[in-house]
Amino acid sequence: MPSILKEEYDFTDSLSILLTLLLPIVAIAGNAFALKMHMKIPNYITHCLLSYSFIALIIFGIIGVLSLKLVVLLLIFLIIASFLSSSLNCLITSVLPMFMRKKVNSGLFAGILNGFCYLGSTISAYGLGYIADAFGWNMVFWSLLAFCVFAIFICLIYKLFCIKLLK
């Protein structure tokens, strides 16, 4: 977020970093939201499908806002994307292992899932950084949108085929 604000909107370093401080606060709210939504949508695949769908819509909005240079709207969309992403991360790494504790060692399962999240975060930081340097921020968000669509596709495939096989 600070890089986008600095490079695309000529914000100072201090203002870019200050605005980025909103993200951890939003992440905490996203974690609480994940648990609340899980109570309403107890099926993890459906919950992930909906989360990725909303994140894809927000990213599509970010792509449009980047070309229009509307910084306030960009900040709102980035905060919403952060909120939903934190919610999804919490669902996958914390809520799922907690509710599966009767079937698997939840601590081990949570640790493995968390490790994969850190690995993915590291790979995406370098990969998206490369894309931003080589092709610009617009391409970063198109890449993120493609990943969301791929995740939606995987969720749909699971819902359509795997659930029928398990019955």
N, C-alpha and C. Protein backbone atom coordinates (compact mmCIF):
# COMPACT_ATOMS: atom_id res chain seq x y z
N MET A 1 0.82 -1.20 0.00
CA MET A 1 0.00 0.00 0.00
C MET A 1 0.86 1.27 0.00
N PRO A 2 1.91 1.32 0.83
CA PRO A 2 2.71 2.56 0.78
C PRO A 2 3.36 2.79 -0.59
N SER A 3 3.79 1.71 -1.23
CA SER A 3 4.42 1.85 -2.54
C SER A 3 3.44 2.37 -3.57
N ILE A 4 2.22 1.87 -3.55
CA ILE A 4 1.21 2.33 -4.50
C ILE A 4 0.92 3.81 -4.28
N LEU A 5 0.73 4.19 -3.02
CA LEU A 5 0.42 5.59 -2.72
C LEU A 5 1.57 6.51 -3.11
N LYS A 6 2.79 6.05 -2.90
CA LYS A 6 3.95 6.88 -3.22
C LYS A 6 4.17 6.96 -4.73
N GLU A 7 4.11 5.82 -5.40
CA GLU A 7 4.43 5.78 -6.83
C GLU A 7 3.30 6.31 -7.71
N GLU A 8 2.07 6.00 -7.37
CA GLU A 8 0.95 6.37 -8.24
C GLU A 8 0.34 7.73 -7.90
N TYR A 9 0.46 8.15 -6.63
CA TYR A 9 -0.23 9.37 -6.19
C TYR A 9 0.71 10.41 -5.59
N ASP A 10 2.00 10.15 -5.62
CA ASP A 10 3.02 11.08 -5.13
C ASP A 10 2.84 11.45 -3.65
N PHE A 11 2.36 10.50 -2.84
CA PHE A 11 2.28 10.73 -1.39
C PHE A 11 3.68 10.70 -0.82
N THR A 12 3.87 11.40 0.27
CA THR A 12 5.16 11.35 0.96
C THR A 12 5.30 9.99 1.65
N ASP A 13 6.54 9.63 1.97
CA ASP A 13 6.78 8.36 2.67
C ASP A 13 6.01 8.30 3.98
N SER A 14 6.08 9.37 4.75
CA SER A 14 5.45 9.36 6.08
C SER A 14 3.93 9.22 5.98
N LEU A 15 3.30 9.90 5.03
CA LEU A 15 1.85 9.81 4.89
C LEU A 15 1.45 8.42 4.38
N SER A 16 2.21 7.88 3.46
CA SER A 16 1.93 6.53 2.94
C SER A 16 2.00 5.50 4.06
N ILE A 17 3.02 5.61 4.89
CA ILE A 17 3.19 4.66 6.00
C ILE A 17 2.11 4.87 7.05
N LEU A 18 1.77 6.10 7.33
CA LEU A 18 0.72 6.40 8.30
C LEU A 18 -0.62 5.80 7.86
N LEU A 19 -0.97 5.95 6.61
CA LEU A 19 -2.22 5.38 6.10
C LEU A 19 -2.19 3.85 6.13
N THR A 20 -1.01 3.27 5.98
CA THR A 20 -0.87 1.82 6.02
C THR A 20 -1.11 1.27 7.42
N LEU A 21 -0.98 2.10 8.44
CA LEU A 21 -1.23 1.65 9.81
C LEU A 21 -2.69 1.25 10.02
N LEU A 22 -3.57 1.65 9.11
CA LEU A 22 -4.97 1.24 9.20
C LEU A 22 -5.14 -0.26 8.96
N LEU A 23 -4.24 -0.84 8.18
CA LEU A 23 -4.42 -2.24 7.78
C LEU A 23 -4.40 -3.24 8.94
N PRO A 24 -3.49 -3.12 9.91
CA PRO A 24 -3.56 -4.08 11.04
C PRO A 24 -4.84 -3.96 11.85
N ILE A 25 -5.35 -2.75 11.98
CA ILE A 25 -6.61 -2.56 12.70
C ILE A 25 -7.74 -3.24 11.94
N VAL A 26 -7.72 -3.07 10.63
CA VAL A 26 -8.72 -3.70 9.79
C VAL A 26 -8.59 -5.22 9.85
N ALA A 27 -7.36 -5.72 9.91
CA ALA A 27 -7.12 -7.16 9.97
C ALA A 27 -7.75 -7.77 11.22
N ILE A 28 -7.66 -7.10 12.34
CA ILE A 28 -8.27 -7.60 13.58
C ILE A 28 -9.78 -7.72 13.40
N ALA A 29 -10.37 -6.71 12.81
CA ALA A 29 -11.82 -6.76 12.56
C ALA A 29 -12.15 -7.88 11.57
N GLY A 30 -11.28 -8.10 10.60
CA GLY A 30 -11.48 -9.18 9.63
C GLY A 30 -11.48 -10.54 10.29
N ASN A 31 -10.63 -10.72 11.29
CA ASN A 31 -10.60 -11.99 12.03
C ASN A 31 -11.91 -12.24 12.77
N ALA A 32 -12.43 -11.22 13.39
CA ALA A 32 -13.71 -11.35 14.09
C ALA A 32 -14.83 -11.62 13.09
N PHE A 33 -14.76 -10.97 11.95
CA PHE A 33 -15.75 -11.16 10.89
C PHE A 33 -15.75 -12.61 10.39
N ALA A 34 -14.57 -13.21 10.28
CA ALA A 34 -14.47 -14.60 9.81
C ALA A 34 -15.24 -15.54 10.72
N LEU A 35 -15.07 -15.37 12.02
CA LEU A 35 -15.76 -16.24 12.96
C LEU A 35 -17.27 -16.01 12.90
N LYS A 36 -17.67 -14.76 12.82
CA LYS A 36 -19.10 -14.44 12.74
C LYS A 36 -19.72 -15.02 11.46
N MET A 37 -19.02 -14.88 10.34
CA MET A 37 -19.52 -15.40 9.08
C MET A 37 -19.54 -16.93 9.08
N HIS A 38 -18.58 -17.53 9.77
CA HIS A 38 -18.57 -19.00 9.83
C HIS A 38 -19.81 -19.52 10.56
N MET A 39 -20.31 -18.78 11.50
CA MET A 39 -21.53 -19.18 12.19
C MET A 39 -22.74 -19.12 11.24
N LYS A 40 -22.69 -18.20 10.28
CA LYS A 40 -23.79 -18.08 9.32
C LYS A 40 -23.61 -19.00 8.11
N ILE A 41 -22.35 -19.22 7.73
CA ILE A 41 -22.02 -20.07 6.58
C ILE A 41 -21.03 -21.14 7.08
N PRO A 42 -21.51 -22.22 7.68
CA PRO A 42 -20.59 -23.19 8.28
C PRO A 42 -19.81 -24.03 7.27
N ASN A 43 -20.22 -24.06 6.01
CA ASN A 43 -19.49 -24.82 5.01
C ASN A 43 -18.26 -24.01 4.56
N TYR A 44 -17.07 -24.57 4.78
CA TYR A 44 -15.83 -23.84 4.51
C TYR A 44 -15.65 -23.52 3.03
N ILE A 45 -16.02 -24.46 2.18
CA ILE A 45 -15.84 -24.23 0.75
C ILE A 45 -16.76 -23.11 0.27
N THR A 46 -18.00 -23.11 0.72
CA THR A 46 -18.93 -22.04 0.36
C THR A 46 -18.44 -20.70 0.89
N HIS A 47 -17.96 -20.70 2.13
CA HIS A 47 -17.43 -19.48 2.74
C HIS A 47 -16.23 -18.96 1.93
N CYS A 48 -15.32 -19.85 1.57
CA CYS A 48 -14.16 -19.44 0.77
C CYS A 48 -14.59 -18.95 -0.60
N LEU A 49 -15.53 -19.64 -1.21
CA LEU A 49 -16.04 -19.25 -2.52
C LEU A 49 -16.61 -17.83 -2.48
N LEU A 50 -17.41 -17.55 -1.49
CA LEU A 50 -17.98 -16.20 -1.35
C LEU A 50 -16.90 -15.16 -1.06
N SER A 51 -15.96 -15.51 -0.19
CA SER A 51 -14.88 -14.57 0.14
C SER A 51 -14.04 -14.24 -1.08
N TYR A 52 -13.62 -15.26 -1.81
CA TYR A 52 -12.83 -15.01 -3.02
C TYR A 52 -13.63 -14.21 -4.06
N SER A 53 -14.92 -14.47 -4.14
CA SER A 53 -15.76 -13.72 -5.09
C SER A 53 -15.81 -12.24 -4.73
N PHE A 54 -16.01 -11.94 -3.46
CA PHE A 54 -16.05 -10.53 -3.05
C PHE A 54 -14.69 -9.87 -3.19
N ILE A 55 -13.62 -10.61 -2.88
CA ILE A 55 -12.27 -10.05 -3.05
C ILE A 55 -12.02 -9.75 -4.53
N ALA A 56 -12.46 -10.65 -5.41
CA ALA A 56 -12.29 -10.43 -6.85
C ALA A 56 -13.03 -9.17 -7.30
N LEU A 57 -14.23 -8.98 -6.79
CA LEU A 57 -14.99 -7.76 -7.14
C LEU A 57 -14.26 -6.50 -6.67
N ILE A 58 -13.72 -6.55 -5.46
CA ILE A 58 -12.99 -5.39 -4.92
C ILE A 58 -11.73 -5.13 -5.75
N ILE A 59 -11.02 -6.19 -6.11
CA ILE A 59 -9.81 -6.02 -6.92
C ILE A 59 -10.16 -5.44 -8.29
N PHE A 60 -11.25 -5.89 -8.85
CA PHE A 60 -11.70 -5.33 -10.12
C PHE A 60 -11.99 -3.83 -9.95
N GLY A 61 -12.58 -3.47 -8.82
CA GLY A 61 -12.80 -2.05 -8.51
C GLY A 61 -11.50 -1.29 -8.38
N ILE A 62 -10.50 -1.92 -7.76
CA ILE A 62 -9.18 -1.28 -7.60
C ILE A 62 -8.57 -1.00 -8.97
N ILE A 63 -8.70 -1.95 -9.89
CA ILE A 63 -8.15 -1.76 -11.24
C ILE A 63 -8.79 -0.54 -11.90
N GLY A 64 -10.10 -0.41 -11.76
CA GLY A 64 -10.78 0.75 -12.33
C GLY A 64 -10.38 2.05 -11.67
N VAL A 65 -10.24 2.02 -10.36
CA VAL A 65 -9.89 3.23 -9.60
C VAL A 65 -8.45 3.67 -9.90
N LEU A 66 -7.55 2.71 -10.11
CA LEU A 66 -6.16 3.06 -10.43
C LEU A 66 -6.10 3.89 -11.71
N SER A 67 -6.89 3.52 -12.70
CA SER A 67 -6.85 4.25 -13.96
C SER A 67 -7.53 5.62 -13.85
N LEU A 68 -8.46 5.75 -12.91
CA LEU A 68 -9.16 7.03 -12.71
C LEU A 68 -8.43 7.97 -11.75
N LYS A 69 -7.44 7.42 -11.02
CA LYS A 69 -6.64 8.21 -10.07
C LYS A 69 -7.49 8.78 -8.93
N LEU A 70 -8.44 8.01 -8.44
CA LEU A 70 -9.29 8.43 -7.31
C LEU A 70 -8.71 7.83 -6.02
N VAL A 71 -7.88 8.59 -5.33
CA VAL A 71 -7.12 8.05 -4.21
C VAL A 71 -8.01 7.65 -3.03
N VAL A 72 -9.05 8.40 -2.74
CA VAL A 72 -9.91 8.06 -1.60
C VAL A 72 -10.62 6.73 -1.85
N LEU A 73 -11.13 6.56 -3.04
CA LEU A 73 -11.79 5.32 -3.39
C LEU A 73 -10.80 4.15 -3.40
N LEU A 74 -9.58 4.41 -3.88
CA LEU A 74 -8.54 3.38 -3.85
C LEU A 74 -8.27 2.94 -2.42
N LEU A 75 -8.13 3.90 -1.51
CA LEU A 75 -7.88 3.57 -0.10
C LEU A 75 -9.02 2.74 0.48
N ILE A 76 -10.25 3.10 0.17
CA ILE A 76 -11.40 2.35 0.67
C ILE A 76 -11.37 0.93 0.13
N PHE A 77 -11.12 0.77 -1.17
CA PHE A 77 -11.06 -0.57 -1.76
C PHE A 77 -9.91 -1.39 -1.19
N LEU A 78 -8.74 -0.77 -0.98
CA LEU A 78 -7.61 -1.49 -0.40
C LEU A 78 -7.91 -1.94 1.03
N ILE A 79 -8.59 -1.09 1.78
CA ILE A 79 -8.95 -1.46 3.15
C ILE A 79 -9.96 -2.60 3.15
N ILE A 80 -10.93 -2.55 2.25
CA ILE A 80 -11.91 -3.64 2.16
C ILE A 80 -11.23 -4.94 1.73
N ALA A 81 -10.33 -4.85 0.76
CA ALA A 81 -9.60 -6.04 0.31
C ALA A 81 -8.76 -6.62 1.44
N SER A 82 -8.13 -5.76 2.21
CA SER A 82 -7.34 -6.21 3.36
C SER A 82 -8.23 -6.88 4.41
N PHE A 83 -9.38 -6.28 4.66
CA PHE A 83 -10.34 -6.82 5.62
C PHE A 83 -10.78 -8.22 5.19
N LEU A 84 -11.19 -8.37 3.93
CA LEU A 84 -11.67 -9.65 3.44
C LEU A 84 -10.54 -10.69 3.38
N SER A 85 -9.35 -10.26 2.99
CA SER A 85 -8.21 -11.18 2.93
C SER A 85 -7.82 -11.67 4.33
N SER A 86 -7.83 -10.77 5.29
CA SER A 86 -7.54 -11.16 6.68
C SER A 86 -8.59 -12.13 7.19
N SER A 87 -9.83 -11.86 6.84
CA SER A 87 -10.93 -12.74 7.23
C SER A 87 -10.73 -14.13 6.65
N LEU A 88 -10.39 -14.20 5.38
CA LEU A 88 -10.18 -15.48 4.71
C LEU A 88 -8.98 -16.21 5.30
N ASN A 89 -7.91 -15.50 5.56
CA ASN A 89 -6.72 -16.10 6.17
C ASN A 89 -7.05 -16.67 7.55
N CYS A 90 -7.80 -15.93 8.33
CA CYS A 90 -8.20 -16.39 9.66
C CYS A 90 -9.08 -17.63 9.55
N LEU A 91 -9.98 -17.63 8.59
CA LEU A 91 -10.85 -18.80 8.39
C LEU A 91 -10.02 -20.04 8.11
N ILE A 92 -9.05 -19.91 7.22
CA ILE A 92 -8.26 -21.07 6.79
C ILE A 92 -7.26 -21.51 7.87
N THR A 93 -6.60 -20.57 8.52
CA THR A 93 -5.52 -20.95 9.44
C THR A 93 -5.94 -21.11 10.89
N SER A 94 -7.08 -20.58 11.28
CA SER A 94 -7.48 -20.64 12.68
C SER A 94 -8.83 -21.32 12.91
N VAL A 95 -9.83 -20.87 12.19
CA VAL A 95 -11.18 -21.38 12.43
C VAL A 95 -11.30 -22.83 11.98
N LEU A 96 -10.82 -23.14 10.77
CA LEU A 96 -10.91 -24.50 10.26
C LEU A 96 -10.22 -25.50 11.18
N PRO A 97 -8.98 -25.29 11.60
CA PRO A 97 -8.36 -26.25 12.51
C PRO A 97 -9.09 -26.37 13.86
N MET A 98 -9.63 -25.27 14.34
CA MET A 98 -10.34 -25.31 15.61
C MET A 98 -11.59 -26.19 15.51
N PHE A 99 -12.31 -26.08 14.43
CA PHE A 99 -13.53 -26.86 14.27
C PHE A 99 -13.26 -28.29 13.82
N MET A 100 -12.04 -28.59 13.40
CA MET A 100 -11.69 -29.96 13.01
C MET A 100 -10.91 -30.69 14.10
N ARG A 101 -10.88 -30.13 15.30
CA ARG A 101 -10.04 -30.68 16.36
C ARG A 101 -10.41 -32.11 16.76
N LYS A 102 -11.63 -32.55 16.47
CA LYS A 102 -12.02 -33.93 16.80
C LYS A 102 -11.48 -34.92 15.77
N LYS A 103 -11.17 -34.45 14.58
CA LYS A 103 -10.71 -35.32 13.51
C LYS A 103 -9.20 -35.33 13.34
N VAL A 104 -8.56 -34.20 13.60
CA VAL A 104 -7.12 -34.08 13.39
C VAL A 104 -6.50 -33.32 14.57
N ASN A 105 -5.20 -33.42 14.68
CA ASN A 105 -4.47 -32.63 15.68
C ASN A 105 -4.54 -31.17 15.22
N SER A 106 -5.37 -30.39 15.86
CA SER A 106 -5.64 -29.02 15.38
C SER A 106 -4.41 -28.13 15.45
N GLY A 107 -3.55 -28.32 16.45
CA GLY A 107 -2.35 -27.50 16.54
C GLY A 107 -1.40 -27.78 15.38
N LEU A 108 -1.19 -29.04 15.08
CA LEU A 108 -0.34 -29.42 13.96
C LEU A 108 -0.94 -28.93 12.63
N PHE A 109 -2.24 -29.14 12.47
CA PHE A 109 -2.93 -28.72 11.25
C PHE A 109 -2.84 -27.20 11.07
N ALA A 110 -3.08 -26.46 12.14
CA ALA A 110 -2.99 -24.99 12.07
C ALA A 110 -1.57 -24.55 11.74
N GLY A 111 -0.60 -25.22 12.33
CA GLY A 111 0.80 -24.88 12.06
C GLY A 111 1.18 -25.12 10.60
N ILE A 112 0.72 -26.24 10.05
CA ILE A 112 1.00 -26.54 8.64
C ILE A 112 0.33 -25.51 7.73
N LEU A 113 -0.94 -25.22 8.00
CA LEU A 113 -1.65 -24.22 7.19
C LEU A 113 -0.99 -22.85 7.31
N ASN A 114 -0.61 -22.48 8.52
CA ASN A 114 0.05 -21.19 8.73
C ASN A 114 1.40 -21.14 8.01
N GLY A 115 2.12 -22.25 8.03
CA GLY A 115 3.40 -22.32 7.31
C GLY A 115 3.21 -22.10 5.82
N PHE A 116 2.18 -22.74 5.27
CA PHE A 116 1.89 -22.54 3.84
C PHE A 116 1.49 -21.10 3.55
N CYS A 117 0.78 -20.47 4.47
CA CYS A 117 0.43 -19.05 4.28
C CYS A 117 1.67 -18.17 4.27
N TYR A 118 2.63 -18.45 5.17
CA TYR A 118 3.88 -17.68 5.18
C TYR A 118 4.68 -17.92 3.90
N LEU A 119 4.71 -19.17 3.45
CA LEU A 119 5.42 -19.48 2.21
C LEU A 119 4.77 -18.74 1.03
N GLY A 120 3.44 -18.80 0.96
CA GLY A 120 2.73 -18.10 -0.11
C GLY A 120 2.92 -16.60 -0.03
N SER A 121 2.95 -16.07 1.19
CA SER A 121 3.16 -14.64 1.37
C SER A 121 4.54 -14.21 0.87
N THR A 122 5.54 -15.02 1.17
CA THR A 122 6.90 -14.70 0.73
C THR A 122 7.00 -14.77 -0.80
N ILE A 123 6.47 -15.84 -1.37
CA ILE A 123 6.52 -15.98 -2.82
C ILE A 123 5.75 -14.85 -3.50
N SER A 124 4.56 -14.52 -2.96
CA SER A 124 3.77 -13.46 -3.59
C SER A 124 4.43 -12.09 -3.42
N ALA A 125 5.08 -11.85 -2.30
CA ALA A 125 5.75 -10.56 -2.12
C ALA A 125 6.82 -10.35 -3.18
N TYR A 126 7.65 -11.36 -3.39
CA TYR A 126 8.70 -11.24 -4.40
C TYR A 126 8.10 -11.26 -5.81
N GLY A 127 7.15 -12.15 -6.05
CA GLY A 127 6.55 -12.25 -7.37
C GLY A 127 5.78 -11.00 -7.76
N LEU A 128 4.95 -10.50 -6.84
CA LEU A 128 4.18 -9.29 -7.14
C LEU A 128 5.08 -8.06 -7.21
N GLY A 129 6.14 -8.07 -6.42
CA GLY A 129 7.12 -6.97 -6.51
C GLY A 129 7.79 -6.94 -7.89
N TYR A 130 8.13 -8.13 -8.38
CA TYR A 130 8.72 -8.22 -9.71
C TYR A 130 7.72 -7.72 -10.77
N ILE A 131 6.47 -8.16 -10.66
CA ILE A 131 5.44 -7.75 -11.62
C ILE A 131 5.25 -6.23 -11.57
N ALA A 132 5.23 -5.67 -10.35
CA ALA A 132 5.07 -4.22 -10.21
C ALA A 132 6.22 -3.47 -10.86
N ASP A 133 7.45 -3.95 -10.64
CA ASP A 133 8.62 -3.29 -11.22
C ASP A 133 8.64 -3.42 -12.75
N ALA A 134 8.28 -4.60 -13.23
CA ALA A 134 8.39 -4.85 -14.67
C ALA A 134 7.19 -4.34 -15.46
N PHE A 135 5.99 -4.42 -14.88
CA PHE A 135 4.79 -4.14 -15.67
C PHE A 135 3.86 -3.10 -15.05
N GLY A 136 4.10 -2.70 -13.81
CA GLY A 136 3.27 -1.69 -13.16
C GLY A 136 2.22 -2.29 -12.23
N TRP A 137 1.63 -1.41 -11.44
CA TRP A 137 0.67 -1.84 -10.41
C TRP A 137 -0.62 -2.39 -11.01
N ASN A 138 -1.00 -1.89 -12.14
CA ASN A 138 -2.21 -2.39 -12.78
C ASN A 138 -2.10 -3.90 -13.03
N MET A 139 -0.94 -4.33 -13.52
CA MET A 139 -0.72 -5.75 -13.79
C MET A 139 -0.69 -6.57 -12.49
N VAL A 140 -0.24 -5.98 -11.40
CA VAL A 140 -0.27 -6.67 -10.11
C VAL A 140 -1.71 -7.01 -9.76
N PHE A 141 -2.59 -6.06 -9.92
CA PHE A 141 -3.99 -6.30 -9.56
C PHE A 141 -4.68 -7.23 -10.55
N TRP A 142 -4.29 -7.19 -11.81
CA TRP A 142 -4.83 -8.17 -12.76
C TRP A 142 -4.37 -9.58 -12.37
N SER A 143 -3.13 -9.69 -11.91
CA SER A 143 -2.61 -10.99 -11.45
C SER A 143 -3.38 -11.47 -10.22
N LEU A 144 -3.62 -10.58 -9.27
CA LEU A 144 -4.39 -10.95 -8.08
C LEU A 144 -5.81 -11.35 -8.44
N LEU A 145 -6.39 -10.64 -9.40
CA LEU A 145 -7.73 -10.99 -9.87
C LEU A 145 -7.72 -12.39 -10.49
N ALA A 146 -6.69 -12.69 -11.26
CA ALA A 146 -6.59 -14.03 -11.87
C ALA A 146 -6.47 -15.11 -10.79
N PHE A 147 -5.70 -14.85 -9.74
CA PHE A 147 -5.59 -15.82 -8.64
C PHE A 147 -6.93 -16.02 -7.95
N CYS A 148 -7.68 -14.95 -7.76
CA CYS A 148 -9.01 -15.07 -7.14
C CYS A 148 -9.94 -15.89 -8.02
N VAL A 149 -9.92 -15.63 -9.31
CA VAL A 149 -10.77 -16.39 -10.23
C VAL A 149 -10.37 -17.87 -10.21
N PHE A 150 -9.08 -18.14 -10.16
CA PHE A 150 -8.61 -19.53 -10.07
C PHE A 150 -9.11 -20.18 -8.77
N ALA A 151 -9.04 -19.47 -7.65
CA ALA A 151 -9.53 -20.00 -6.38
C ALA A 151 -11.03 -20.24 -6.43
N ILE A 152 -11.76 -19.33 -7.06
CA ILE A 152 -13.21 -19.51 -7.22
C ILE A 152 -13.49 -20.77 -8.04
N PHE A 153 -12.73 -20.95 -9.10
CA PHE A 153 -12.87 -22.12 -9.96
C PHE A 153 -12.61 -23.41 -9.16
N ILE A 154 -11.57 -23.42 -8.35
CA ILE A 154 -11.25 -24.59 -7.54
C ILE A 154 -12.39 -24.89 -6.56
N CYS A 155 -12.91 -23.86 -5.92
CA CYS A 155 -14.05 -24.04 -4.99
C CYS A 155 -15.26 -24.60 -5.72
N LEU A 156 -15.54 -24.09 -6.90
CA LEU A 156 -16.69 -24.58 -7.68
C LEU A 156 -16.49 -26.03 -8.11
N ILE A 157 -15.29 -26.36 -8.55
CA ILE A 157 -14.99 -27.75 -8.93
C ILE A 157 -15.21 -28.67 -7.73
N TYR A 158 -14.71 -28.26 -6.59
CA TYR A 158 -14.89 -29.07 -5.38
C TYR A 158 -16.38 -29.24 -5.07
N LYS A 159 -17.11 -28.13 -5.09
CA LYS A 159 -18.54 -28.20 -4.76
C LYS A 159 -19.31 -29.06 -5.77
N LEU A 160 -18.94 -28.99 -7.04
CA LEU A 160 -19.67 -29.72 -8.06
C LEU A 160 -19.31 -31.21 -8.12
N PHE A 161 -18.04 -31.53 -7.94
CA PHE A 161 -17.61 -32.91 -8.16
C PHE A 161 -17.23 -33.67 -6.89
N CYS A 162 -16.44 -33.06 -6.05
CA CYS A 162 -15.93 -33.79 -4.89
C CYS A 162 -17.00 -34.10 -3.87
N ILE A 163 -17.93 -33.21 -3.67
CA ILE A 163 -18.98 -33.46 -2.70
C ILE A 163 -19.85 -34.64 -3.15
N LYS A 164 -20.12 -34.75 -4.47
CA LYS A 164 -20.90 -35.88 -4.98
C LYS A 164 -20.15 -37.20 -4.79
N LEU A 165 -18.84 -37.16 -4.93
CA LEU A 165 -18.03 -38.36 -4.74
C LEU A 165 -17.99 -38.81 -3.28
N LEU A 166 -18.07 -37.85 -2.37
CA LEU A 166 -17.98 -38.17 -0.95
C LEU A 166 -19.29 -38.71 -0.37
N LYS A 167 -20.39 -38.53 -1.07
CA LYS A 167 -21.70 -38.97 -0.56
C LYS A 167 -21.90 -40.46 -0.74
